[in-house]
Amino acid sequence: MGFKKIKDKKGVNMTVHPEFYDKIEKERRKFMEKHRLNRLTTKAFTKVLNKRFWERKRRNKRGDASNFVTFIIVLFFLAVSFLIAAFVNDNISDVIKETDLNTTTYASSYTGAIDQMTTTTIQRGFAMIIAFLVIGMMISAFLIRIHPIFIFIYIITLGISLFAMIPIANTYEILIGTDALSSVADQQTMINWIMQYSVFILLGAGALSIIIIFAKLAGGTQSSRL
């Protein structure tokens, strides 16, 4: 999105980036109060805003390698949370079946809905969220502007994340091996599979992200030569 020309209240032409168009007057007053200025034209302040915009753009060129760390944290948190949710649902279903609540008219429908959520809905929800995370990493790699020197930081961060993923996956395996969660975990085959191969999933997503970034860098280099 490029700049566009507008006129201030006095009819003076100025160039403004659309991102800051609606905030110019408000930010100008804050700027004047902060720096104790008696007078600052809108056109002069526009230059300040445009400078801030391009400084932020230059910072964005470093890329965002934190996606890998975010993926690990969210993956483990969701896996444990969904497993606990399945454990709670399973206990609720057992309580309904083994007590006087089972004599009610709607008891069977309630227990059926809970069992459906425990065995199917939770797993599909987990898989869908992880799929969205991977797609988000691809989109992020496509949208960010990264300097070639920072691609090595991207690769190093991926390597560290892969090593960090191994003990996290092992921790999940220990959790599902406990007596309290083992019976419920046996029903969560999809979650167990994703956690078992989480290192390879992260490796594949990270490799695709790096390929996309390299392709963008190569395309940008060729375009600049033309």
C-alpha atoms as a PDB file:
ATOM      1  CA  MET A   1       0.000   0.000   0.000  1.00  0.00           C
ATOM      2  CA  GLY A   2       1.601   3.298  -1.091  1.00  0.00           C
ATOM      3  CA  PHE A   3       1.299   6.872   0.055  1.00  0.00           C
ATOM      4  CA  LYS A   4      -1.551   9.123  -0.946  1.00  0.00           C
ATOM      5  CA  LYS A   5      -1.846  12.872  -1.225  1.00  0.00           C
ATOM      6  CA  ILE A   6      -4.349  14.750   0.912  1.00  0.00           C
ATOM      7  CA  LYS A   7      -4.961  18.317   2.025  1.00  0.00           C
ATOM      8  CA  ASP A   8      -5.070  19.591   5.565  1.00  0.00           C
ATOM      9  CA  LYS A   9      -7.643  22.056   6.904  1.00  0.00           C
ATOM     10  CA  LYS A  10      -5.733  24.976   5.380  1.00  0.00           C
ATOM     11  CA  GLY A  11      -5.595  23.368   1.957  1.00  0.00           C
ATOM     12  CA  VAL A  12      -1.898  22.499   2.110  1.00  0.00           C
ATOM     13  CA  ASN A  13      -0.928  19.421   0.095  1.00  0.00           C
ATOM     14  CA  MET A  14       0.842  16.669   2.000  1.00  0.00           C
ATOM     15  CA  THR A  15       1.768  13.021   1.520  1.00  0.00           C
ATOM     16  CA  VAL A  16       0.442  10.593   4.111  1.00  0.00           C
ATOM     17  CA  HIS A  17       0.591   6.848   4.485  1.00  0.00           C
ATOM     18  CA  PRO A  18      -2.976   5.488   4.873  1.00  0.00           C
ATOM     19  CA  GLU A  19      -2.017   3.635   8.041  1.00  0.00           C
ATOM     20  CA  PHE A  20      -1.624   6.948   9.847  1.00  0.00           C
ATOM     21  CA  TYR A  21      -4.254   8.988   8.055  1.00  0.00           C
ATOM     22  CA  ASP A  22      -6.957   8.753  10.722  1.00  0.00           C
ATOM     23  CA  LYS A  23      -4.578   9.363  13.624  1.00  0.00           C
ATOM     24  CA  ILE A  24      -2.623  12.381  12.426  1.00  0.00           C
ATOM     25  CA  GLU A  25      -4.436  15.106  14.334  1.00  0.00           C
ATOM     26  CA  LYS A  26      -4.624  13.114  17.563  1.00  0.00           C
ATOM     27  CA  GLU A  27      -0.985  12.077  17.416  1.00  0.00           C
ATOM     28  CA  ARG A  28       0.073  15.609  16.487  1.00  0.00           C
ATOM     29  CA  ARG A  29      -1.495  17.037  19.644  1.00  0.00           C
ATOM     30  CA  LYS A  30       0.164  14.373  21.792  1.00  0.00           C
ATOM     31  CA  PHE A  31       3.485  15.065  20.103  1.00  0.00           C
ATOM     32  CA  MET A  32       3.168  18.795  20.771  1.00  0.00           C
ATOM     33  CA  GLU A  33       2.314  18.233  24.438  1.00  0.00           C
ATOM     34  CA  LYS A  34       5.149  15.784  24.925  1.00  0.00           C
ATOM     35  CA  HIS A  35       7.776  18.042  23.361  1.00  0.00           C
ATOM     36  CA  ARG A  36       6.168  21.271  24.628  1.00  0.00           C
ATOM     37  CA  LEU A  37       5.687  22.737  21.185  1.00  0.00           C
ATOM     38  CA  ASN A  38       3.432  25.721  20.605  1.00  0.00           C
ATOM     39  CA  ARG A  39       3.065  25.160  16.885  1.00  0.00           C
ATOM     40  CA  LEU A  40       3.489  22.161  14.627  1.00  0.00           C
ATOM     41  CA  THR A  41       1.863  22.019  11.221  1.00  0.00           C
ATOM     42  CA  THR A  42       0.128  18.897  10.076  1.00  0.00           C
ATOM     43  CA  LYS A  43       2.435  18.682   7.099  1.00  0.00           C
ATOM     44  CA  ALA A  44       5.547  18.759   9.303  1.00  0.00           C
ATOM     45  CA  PHE A  45       4.142  16.144  11.630  1.00  0.00           C
ATOM     46  CA  THR A  46       3.291  13.957   8.633  1.00  0.00           C
ATOM     47  CA  LYS A  47       7.004  13.691   7.913  1.00  0.00           C
ATOM     48  CA  VAL A  48       7.562  12.489  11.471  1.00  0.00           C
ATOM     49  CA  LEU A  49       4.899   9.803  11.090  1.00  0.00           C
ATOM     50  CA  ASN A  50       6.255   8.643   7.737  1.00  0.00           C
ATOM     51  CA  LYS A  51       9.719   8.371   9.258  1.00  0.00           C
ATOM     52  CA  ARG A  52       8.348   6.226  12.081  1.00  0.00           C
ATOM     53  CA  PHE A  53       6.571   4.013   9.571  1.00  0.00           C
ATOM     54  CA  TRP A  54       9.699   3.260   7.554  1.00  0.00           C
ATOM     55  CA  GLU A  55      11.728   2.666  10.710  1.00  0.00           C
ATOM     56  CA  ARG A  56       9.202   0.031  11.723  1.00  0.00           C
ATOM     57  CA  LYS A  57       9.319  -1.455   8.235  1.00  0.00           C
ATOM     58  CA  ARG A  58      13.093  -1.788   8.488  1.00  0.00           C
ATOM     59  CA  ARG A  59      12.746  -3.575  11.824  1.00  0.00           C
ATOM     60  CA  ASN A  60      10.267  -5.998  10.260  1.00  0.00           C
ATOM     61  CA  LYS A  61      12.883  -7.035   7.694  1.00  0.00           C
ATOM     62  CA  ARG A  62      14.576  -9.096  10.386  1.00  0.00           C
ATOM     63  CA  GLY A  63      11.715 -11.554  10.187  1.00  0.00           C
ATOM     64  CA  ASP A  64       9.944 -13.369  12.951  1.00  0.00           C
ATOM     65  CA  ALA A  65      11.699 -16.562  13.996  1.00  0.00           C
ATOM     66  CA  SER A  66       9.659 -16.690  17.190  1.00  0.00           C
ATOM     67  CA  ASN A  67       6.958 -18.607  15.288  1.00  0.00           C
ATOM     68  CA  PHE A  68       8.788 -21.844  16.076  1.00  0.00           C
ATOM     69  CA  VAL A  69       8.845 -21.143  19.806  1.00  0.00           C
ATOM     70  CA  THR A  70       5.183 -20.146  19.724  1.00  0.00           C
ATOM     71  CA  PHE A  71       4.337 -23.380  17.912  1.00  0.00           C
ATOM     72  CA  ILE A  72       6.054 -25.498  20.581  1.00  0.00           C
ATOM     73  CA  ILE A  73       4.382 -23.708  23.484  1.00  0.00           C
ATOM     74  CA  VAL A  74       0.906 -23.780  21.950  1.00  0.00           C
ATOM     75  CA  LEU A  75       1.259 -27.414  20.850  1.00  0.00           C
ATOM     76  CA  PHE A  76       2.199 -28.703  24.305  1.00  0.00           C
ATOM     77  CA  PHE A  77      -0.310 -26.486  26.123  1.00  0.00           C
ATOM     78  CA  LEU A  78      -3.191 -27.560  23.883  1.00  0.00           C
ATOM     79  CA  ALA A  79      -2.241 -31.243  24.006  1.00  0.00           C
ATOM     80  CA  VAL A  80      -2.214 -31.278  27.812  1.00  0.00           C
ATOM     81  CA  SER A  81      -5.334 -29.091  28.072  1.00  0.00           C
ATOM     82  CA  PHE A  82      -7.327 -31.235  25.657  1.00  0.00           C
ATOM     83  CA  LEU A  83      -6.175 -34.396  27.416  1.00  0.00           C
ATOM     84  CA  ILE A  84      -7.334 -33.019  30.770  1.00  0.00           C
ATOM     85  CA  ALA A  85     -10.635 -31.966  29.189  1.00  0.00           C
ATOM     86  CA  ALA A  86     -11.119 -35.506  27.896  1.00  0.00           C
ATOM     87  CA  PHE A  87     -10.302 -36.870  31.366  1.00  0.00           C
ATOM     88  CA  VAL A  88     -12.898 -34.591  32.984  1.00  0.00           C
ATOM     89  CA  ASN A  89     -15.535 -35.476  30.385  1.00  0.00           C
ATOM     90  CA  ASP A  90     -14.884 -39.169  30.874  1.00  0.00           C
ATOM     91  CA  ASN A  91     -15.348 -38.845  34.637  1.00  0.00           C
ATOM     92  CA  ILE A  92     -18.556 -36.869  34.185  1.00  0.00           C
ATOM     93  CA  SER A  93     -19.881 -39.554  31.867  1.00  0.00           C
ATOM     94  CA  ASP A  94     -19.026 -42.264  34.420  1.00  0.00           C
ATOM     95  CA  VAL A  95     -20.781 -40.344  37.193  1.00  0.00           C
ATOM     96  CA  ILE A  96     -23.945 -40.051  35.117  1.00  0.00           C
ATOM     97  CA  LYS A  97     -23.879 -43.735  34.189  1.00  0.00           C
ATOM     98  CA  GLU A  98     -23.174 -45.060  37.698  1.00  0.00           C
ATOM     99  CA  THR A  99     -25.515 -42.886  39.761  1.00  0.00           C
ATOM    100  CA  ASP A 100     -29.217 -42.153  39.927  1.00  0.00           C
ATOM    101  CA  LEU A 101     -28.753 -39.577  37.184  1.00  0.00           C
ATOM    102  CA  ASN A 102     -28.793 -42.468  34.737  1.00  0.00           C
ATOM    103  CA  THR A 103     -32.489 -42.994  35.416  1.00  0.00           C
ATOM    104  CA  THR A 104     -33.471 -39.662  33.892  1.00  0.00           C
ATOM    105  CA  THR A 105     -34.963 -39.413  30.424  1.00  0.00           C
ATOM    106  CA  TYR A 106     -32.098 -37.480  28.885  1.00  0.00           C
ATOM    107  CA  ALA A 107     -29.248 -39.339  30.579  1.00  0.00           C
ATOM    108  CA  SER A 108     -28.402 -41.479  27.553  1.00  0.00           C
ATOM    109  CA  SER A 109     -28.328 -38.495  25.201  1.00  0.00           C
ATOM    110  CA  TYR A 110     -26.111 -36.545  27.602  1.00  0.00           C
ATOM    111  CA  THR A 111     -23.648 -39.374  28.040  1.00  0.00           C
ATOM    112  CA  GLY A 112     -23.614 -39.980  24.289  1.00  0.00           C
ATOM    113  CA  ALA A 113     -22.813 -36.327  23.621  1.00  0.00           C
ATOM    114  CA  ILE A 114     -20.061 -36.350  26.241  1.00  0.00           C
ATOM    115  CA  ASP A 115     -18.540 -39.539  24.828  1.00  0.00           C
ATOM    116  CA  GLN A 116     -18.681 -38.056  21.321  1.00  0.00           C
ATOM    117  CA  MET A 117     -16.861 -34.962  22.535  1.00  0.00           C
ATOM    118  CA  THR A 118     -14.268 -37.028  24.389  1.00  0.00           C
ATOM    119  CA  THR A 119     -13.424 -39.408  21.561  1.00  0.00           C
ATOM    120  CA  THR A 120     -13.958 -37.298  18.425  1.00  0.00           C
ATOM    121  CA  THR A 121     -14.565 -33.571  18.870  1.00  0.00           C
ATOM    122  CA  ILE A 122     -11.523 -32.910  21.047  1.00  0.00           C
ATOM    123  CA  GLN A 123      -9.190 -34.698  18.650  1.00  0.00           C
ATOM    124  CA  ARG A 124     -10.531 -32.951  15.565  1.00  0.00           C
ATOM    125  CA  GLY A 125     -10.381 -29.582  17.292  1.00  0.00           C
ATOM    126  CA  PHE A 126      -6.762 -30.165  18.275  1.00  0.00           C
ATOM    127  CA  ALA A 127      -5.777 -31.251  14.775  1.00  0.00           C
ATOM    128  CA  MET A 128      -7.543 -28.247  13.232  1.00  0.00           C
ATOM    129  CA  ILE A 129      -5.781 -25.782  15.534  1.00  0.00           C
ATOM    130  CA  ILE A 130      -2.383 -27.307  14.778  1.00  0.00           C
ATOM    131  CA  ALA A 131      -3.142 -27.173  11.053  1.00  0.00           C
ATOM    132  CA  PHE A 132      -4.000 -23.478  11.364  1.00  0.00           C
ATOM    133  CA  LEU A 133      -0.735 -22.892  13.232  1.00  0.00           C
ATOM    134  CA  VAL A 134       1.269 -24.515  10.446  1.00  0.00           C
ATOM    135  CA  ILE A 135      -0.619 -22.547   7.796  1.00  0.00           C
ATOM    136  CA  GLY A 136      -0.008 -19.385   9.827  1.00  0.00           C
ATOM    137  CA  MET A 137       3.729 -20.099   9.798  1.00  0.00           C
ATOM    138  CA  MET A 138       3.626 -20.414   6.010  1.00  0.00           C
ATOM    139  CA  ILE A 139       1.706 -17.166   5.627  1.00  0.00           C
ATOM    140  CA  SER A 140       4.055 -15.392   8.033  1.00  0.00           C
ATOM    141  CA  ALA A 141       7.073 -16.593   6.056  1.00  0.00           C
ATOM    142  CA  PHE A 142       5.465 -15.309   2.864  1.00  0.00           C
ATOM    143  CA  LEU A 143       4.564 -11.885   4.250  1.00  0.00           C
ATOM    144  CA  ILE A 144       7.640 -10.928   6.270  1.00  0.00           C
ATOM    145  CA  ARG A 145      10.462  -8.954   4.716  1.00  0.00           C
ATOM    146  CA  ILE A 146      13.762 -10.381   5.906  1.00  0.00           C
ATOM    147  CA  HIS A 147      17.338  -9.349   5.231  1.00  0.00           C
ATOM    148  CA  PRO A 148      19.526 -12.215   3.907  1.00  0.00           C
ATOM    149  CA  ILE A 149      21.820 -12.011   6.930  1.00  0.00           C
ATOM    150  CA  PHE A 150      18.953 -12.886   9.281  1.00  0.00           C
ATOM    151  CA  ILE A 151      18.131 -16.132   7.469  1.00  0.00           C
ATOM    152  CA  PHE A 152      20.893 -17.801   9.503  1.00  0.00           C
ATOM    153  CA  ILE A 153      19.211 -16.691  12.727  1.00  0.00           C
ATOM    154  CA  TYR A 154      16.005 -18.201  11.353  1.00  0.00           C
ATOM    155  CA  ILE A 155      17.750 -21.540  10.727  1.00  0.00           C
ATOM    156  CA  ILE A 156      19.499 -21.542  14.118  1.00  0.00           C
ATOM    157  CA  THR A 157      16.200 -20.820  15.879  1.00  0.00           C
ATOM    158  CA  LEU A 158      14.595 -23.720  14.029  1.00  0.00           C
ATOM    159  CA  GLY A 159      17.400 -26.046  15.126  1.00  0.00           C
ATOM    160  CA  ILE A 160      17.100 -24.988  18.765  1.00  0.00           C
ATOM    161  CA  SER A 161      13.323 -25.404  18.592  1.00  0.00           C
ATOM    162  CA  LEU A 162      13.702 -28.938  17.245  1.00  0.00           C
ATOM    163  CA  PHE A 163      15.982 -29.896  20.136  1.00  0.00           C
ATOM    164  CA  ALA A 164      13.544 -28.298  22.593  1.00  0.00           C
ATOM    165  CA  MET A 165      10.641 -30.215  21.063  1.00  0.00           C
ATOM    166  CA  ILE A 166      12.184 -33.597  21.923  1.00  0.00           C
ATOM    167  CA  PRO A 167      11.959 -33.346  25.755  1.00  0.00           C
ATOM    168  CA  ILE A 168       8.523 -31.741  25.449  1.00  0.00           C
ATOM    169  CA  ALA A 169       7.258 -34.687  23.405  1.00  0.00           C
ATOM    170  CA  ASN A 170       8.820 -37.054  25.938  1.00  0.00           C
ATOM    171  CA  THR A 171       7.085 -35.181  28.762  1.00  0.00           C
ATOM    172  CA  TYR A 172       3.739 -35.695  27.053  1.00  0.00           C
ATOM    173  CA  GLU A 173       4.506 -39.396  26.654  1.00  0.00           C
ATOM    174  CA  ILE A 174       5.214 -39.636  30.386  1.00  0.00           C
ATOM    175  CA  LEU A 175       1.908 -37.906  31.164  1.00  0.00           C
ATOM    176  CA  ILE A 176      -0.176 -40.268  29.069  1.00  0.00           C
ATOM    177  CA  GLY A 177       1.586 -43.208  30.697  1.00  0.00           C
ATOM    178  CA  THR A 178       0.307 -42.345  34.169  1.00  0.00           C
ATOM    179  CA  ASP A 179      -2.477 -44.429  35.692  1.00  0.00           C
ATOM    180  CA  ALA A 180      -4.873 -41.485  35.850  1.00  0.00           C
ATOM    181  CA  LEU A 181      -4.592 -40.500  32.181  1.00  0.00           C
ATOM    182  CA  SER A 182      -3.628 -43.702  30.390  1.00  0.00           C
ATOM    183  CA  SER A 183      -7.177 -44.935  29.784  1.00  0.00           C
ATOM    184  CA  VAL A 184      -8.301 -41.564  28.411  1.00  0.00           C
ATOM    185  CA  ALA A 185      -5.106 -41.094  26.400  1.00  0.00           C
ATOM    186  CA  ASP A 186      -5.712 -44.400  24.609  1.00  0.00           C
ATOM    187  CA  GLN A 187      -8.807 -42.809  23.046  1.00  0.00           C
ATOM    188  CA  GLN A 188      -6.903 -39.729  21.814  1.00  0.00           C
ATOM    189  CA  THR A 189      -5.092 -41.437  18.955  1.00  0.00           C
ATOM    190  CA  MET A 190      -4.907 -38.313  16.794  1.00  0.00           C
ATOM    191  CA  ILE A 191      -3.421 -36.146  19.550  1.00  0.00           C
ATOM    192  CA  ASN A 192      -0.968 -38.898  20.483  1.00  0.00           C
ATOM    193  CA  TRP A 193       0.128 -39.255  16.856  1.00  0.00           C
ATOM    194  CA  ILE A 194       0.703 -35.516  16.433  1.00  0.00           C
ATOM    195  CA  MET A 195       2.725 -35.344  19.642  1.00  0.00           C
ATOM    196  CA  GLN A 196       4.704 -38.445  18.710  1.00  0.00           C
ATOM    197  CA  TYR A 197       5.724 -36.929  15.380  1.00  0.00           C
ATOM    198  CA  SER A 198       5.758 -33.296  16.567  1.00  0.00           C
ATOM    199  CA  VAL A 199       9.484 -32.961  15.853  1.00  0.00           C
ATOM    200  CA  PHE A 200       8.970 -33.970  12.228  1.00  0.00           C
ATOM    201  CA  ILE A 201       5.915 -31.716  11.912  1.00  0.00           C
ATOM    202  CA  LEU A 202       7.935 -28.759  13.187  1.00  0.00           C
ATOM    203  CA  LEU A 203      10.840 -29.696  10.931  1.00  0.00           C
ATOM    204  CA  GLY A 204       8.583 -29.852   7.878  1.00  0.00           C
ATOM    205  CA  ALA A 205       6.831 -26.578   8.681  1.00  0.00           C
ATOM    206  CA  GLY A 206      10.134 -24.847   9.412  1.00  0.00           C
ATOM    207  CA  ALA A 207      11.767 -26.185   6.254  1.00  0.00           C
ATOM    208  CA  LEU A 208       8.856 -24.993   4.123  1.00  0.00           C
ATOM    209  CA  SER A 209       9.027 -21.573   5.787  1.00  0.00           C
ATOM    210  CA  ILE A 210      12.732 -21.291   5.005  1.00  0.00           C
ATOM    211  CA  ILE A 211      12.138 -22.398   1.408  1.00  0.00           C
ATOM    212  CA  ILE A 212       9.483 -19.702   1.027  1.00  0.00           C
ATOM    213  CA  ILE A 213      11.847 -17.078   2.454  1.00  0.00           C
ATOM    214  CA  PHE A 214      14.682 -18.178   0.158  1.00  0.00           C
ATOM    215  CA  ALA A 215      12.336 -18.079  -2.829  1.00  0.00           C
ATOM    216  CA  LYS A 216      11.275 -14.542  -1.904  1.00  0.00           C
ATOM    217  CA  LEU A 217      14.897 -13.452  -1.536  1.00  0.00           C
ATOM    218  CA  ALA A 218      15.803 -14.965  -4.900  1.00  0.00           C
ATOM    219  CA  GLY A 219      12.785 -13.382  -6.544  1.00  0.00           C
ATOM    220  CA  GLY A 220      13.561 -10.010  -4.993  1.00  0.00           C
ATOM    221  CA  THR A 221      17.177 -10.183  -6.175  1.00  0.00           C
ATOM    222  CA  GLN A 222      16.143 -10.967  -9.733  1.00  0.00           C
ATOM    223  CA  SER A 223      13.557  -8.186  -9.708  1.00  0.00           C
ATOM    224  CA  SER A 224      16.118  -5.663  -8.495  1.00  0.00           C
ATOM    225  CA  ARG A 225      18.482  -6.662 -11.294  1.00  0.00           C
ATOM    226  CA  LEU A 226      15.758  -6.133 -13.843  1.00  0.00           C
END
